[in-house]
Amino acid sequence: MLFSLCGCYSLAKRMPVKRVYTPELLLKMRREMEAGEELREFEMERLVVTKADFAEALSNVSKSVGHDQLRRFEAWEAEFGSK
């Protein structure tokens, strides 16, 4: 479960970068640089990690533990775990 949460967080924190660096935007930036224009500042709201970023990341993360492994852990936890 911890690995899944870490994977979800890792994906979510990269979402603002994906929003900012789309192929279209990179092409536009390249044209501006070639024309000698200064690159303007990006809007801060495009760089904020949102709840939607986490929702999208959750949809892209696969389970790290199978059902049989989970059942074995639950049995072990019931017998040896501290509660």
C-alpha atoms as a PDB file:
ATOM      1  CA  MET A   1       0.000   0.000   0.000  1.00  0.00           C
ATOM      2  CA  LEU A   2       2.835   2.388   0.845  1.00  0.00           C
ATOM      3  CA  PHE A   3       4.449   1.820  -2.554  1.00  0.00           C
ATOM      4  CA  SER A   4       1.127   2.556  -4.265  1.00  0.00           C
ATOM      5  CA  LEU A   5       0.785   5.806  -2.321  1.00  0.00           C
ATOM      6  CA  CYS A   6       4.343   6.776  -3.186  1.00  0.00           C
ATOM      7  CA  GLY A   7       3.698   5.986  -6.837  1.00  0.00           C
ATOM      8  CA  CYS A   8       0.502   8.016  -6.779  1.00  0.00           C
ATOM      9  CA  TYR A   9       2.247  10.967  -5.180  1.00  0.00           C
ATOM     10  CA  SER A  10       5.105  10.732  -7.641  1.00  0.00           C
ATOM     11  CA  LEU A  11       2.724  10.801 -10.602  1.00  0.00           C
ATOM     12  CA  ALA A  12       0.599  13.594  -9.150  1.00  0.00           C
ATOM     13  CA  LYS A  13       3.543  15.877  -8.477  1.00  0.00           C
ATOM     14  CA  ARG A  14       4.598  15.590 -12.136  1.00  0.00           C
ATOM     15  CA  MET A  15       1.165  16.562 -13.500  1.00  0.00           C
ATOM     16  CA  PRO A  16       1.765  20.340 -13.416  1.00  0.00           C
ATOM     17  CA  VAL A  17       4.932  19.786 -15.435  1.00  0.00           C
ATOM     18  CA  LYS A  18       2.967  17.746 -17.959  1.00  0.00           C
ATOM     19  CA  ARG A  19       0.417  20.566 -18.186  1.00  0.00           C
ATOM     20  CA  VAL A  20       3.100  23.173 -18.763  1.00  0.00           C
ATOM     21  CA  TYR A  21       5.324  21.226 -21.115  1.00  0.00           C
ATOM     22  CA  THR A  22       2.902  20.056 -23.772  1.00  0.00           C
ATOM     23  CA  PRO A  23       4.300  19.475 -27.282  1.00  0.00           C
ATOM     24  CA  GLU A  24       2.416  22.534 -28.543  1.00  0.00           C
ATOM     25  CA  LEU A  25       3.847  24.754 -25.823  1.00  0.00           C
ATOM     26  CA  LEU A  26       7.374  23.473 -26.378  1.00  0.00           C
ATOM     27  CA  LEU A  27       7.063  24.253 -30.090  1.00  0.00           C
ATOM     28  CA  LYS A  28       5.796  27.760 -29.286  1.00  0.00           C
ATOM     29  CA  MET A  29       8.664  28.301 -26.829  1.00  0.00           C
ATOM     30  CA  ARG A  30      11.185  27.146 -29.432  1.00  0.00           C
ATOM     31  CA  ARG A  31       9.762  29.608 -31.977  1.00  0.00           C
ATOM     32  CA  GLU A  32       9.918  32.461 -29.452  1.00  0.00           C
ATOM     33  CA  MET A  33      13.515  31.620 -28.543  1.00  0.00           C
ATOM     34  CA  GLU A  34      14.533  31.428 -32.209  1.00  0.00           C
ATOM     35  CA  ALA A  35      12.879  34.808 -32.824  1.00  0.00           C
ATOM     36  CA  GLY A  36      14.865  36.273 -29.920  1.00  0.00           C
ATOM     37  CA  GLU A  37      11.793  36.946 -27.800  1.00  0.00           C
ATOM     38  CA  GLU A  38      11.968  36.664 -24.027  1.00  0.00           C
ATOM     39  CA  LEU A  39       9.984  33.821 -22.545  1.00  0.00           C
ATOM     40  CA  ARG A  40       7.228  35.173 -20.351  1.00  0.00           C
ATOM     41  CA  GLU A  41       6.518  33.850 -16.867  1.00  0.00           C
ATOM     42  CA  PHE A  42       4.074  30.975 -16.621  1.00  0.00           C
ATOM     43  CA  GLU A  43       0.938  31.405 -14.574  1.00  0.00           C
ATOM     44  CA  MET A  44       1.351  30.028 -11.045  1.00  0.00           C
ATOM     45  CA  GLU A  45      -1.949  28.139 -11.117  1.00  0.00           C
ATOM     46  CA  ARG A  46      -0.561  25.971 -13.930  1.00  0.00           C
ATOM     47  CA  LEU A  47       2.224  24.855 -11.580  1.00  0.00           C
ATOM     48  CA  VAL A  48       0.078  23.880  -8.570  1.00  0.00           C
ATOM     49  CA  VAL A  49      -0.632  20.195  -7.865  1.00  0.00           C
ATOM     50  CA  THR A  50      -4.409  19.803  -7.748  1.00  0.00           C
ATOM     51  CA  LYS A  51      -6.855  17.187  -6.483  1.00  0.00           C
ATOM     52  CA  ALA A  52      -7.522  16.331 -10.134  1.00  0.00           C
ATOM     53  CA  ASP A  53      -3.803  15.563 -10.528  1.00  0.00           C
ATOM     54  CA  PHE A  54      -4.071  13.020  -7.706  1.00  0.00           C
ATOM     55  CA  ALA A  55      -7.238  11.538  -9.216  1.00  0.00           C
ATOM     56  CA  GLU A  56      -5.495  11.098 -12.561  1.00  0.00           C
ATOM     57  CA  ALA A  57      -2.423   9.642 -10.868  1.00  0.00           C
ATOM     58  CA  LEU A  58      -4.600   7.145  -8.952  1.00  0.00           C
ATOM     59  CA  SER A  59      -6.090   5.973 -12.226  1.00  0.00           C
ATOM     60  CA  ASN A  60      -2.569   5.326 -13.579  1.00  0.00           C
ATOM     61  CA  VAL A  61      -1.118   3.460 -10.575  1.00  0.00           C
ATOM     62  CA  SER A  62      -1.304  -0.313 -10.541  1.00  0.00           C
ATOM     63  CA  LYS A  63      -1.638  -2.418  -7.401  1.00  0.00           C
ATOM     64  CA  SER A  64       1.676  -3.447  -5.908  1.00  0.00           C
ATOM     65  CA  VAL A  65       0.320  -6.410  -3.896  1.00  0.00           C
ATOM     66  CA  GLY A  66      -1.732  -9.330  -5.194  1.00  0.00           C
ATOM     67  CA  HIS A  67      -4.795 -10.794  -3.465  1.00  0.00           C
ATOM     68  CA  ASP A  68      -2.935 -13.947  -2.382  1.00  0.00           C
ATOM     69  CA  GLN A  69      -0.115 -11.894  -0.850  1.00  0.00           C
ATOM     70  CA  LEU A  70      -2.648  -9.737   0.960  1.00  0.00           C
ATOM     71  CA  ARG A  71      -4.439 -12.799   2.372  1.00  0.00           C
ATOM     72  CA  ARG A  72      -1.121 -14.289   3.548  1.00  0.00           C
ATOM     73  CA  PHE A  73      -0.210 -11.006   5.243  1.00  0.00           C
ATOM     74  CA  GLU A  74      -3.615 -10.751   6.925  1.00  0.00           C
ATOM     75  CA  ALA A  75      -3.234 -14.315   8.239  1.00  0.00           C
ATOM     76  CA  TRP A  76       0.273 -13.544   9.493  1.00  0.00           C
ATOM     77  CA  GLU A  77      -0.930 -10.264  11.051  1.00  0.00           C
ATOM     78  CA  ALA A  78      -3.773 -12.087  12.827  1.00  0.00           C
ATOM     79  CA  GLU A  79      -1.365 -14.649  14.261  1.00  0.00           C
ATOM     80  CA  PHE A  80       1.778 -12.619  14.986  1.00  0.00           C
ATOM     81  CA  GLY A  81       0.857  -8.938  14.618  1.00  0.00           C
ATOM     82  CA  SER A  82       0.482  -6.531  17.489  1.00  0.00           C
ATOM     83  CA  LYS A  83      -2.982  -5.177  18.159  1.00  0.00           C
END
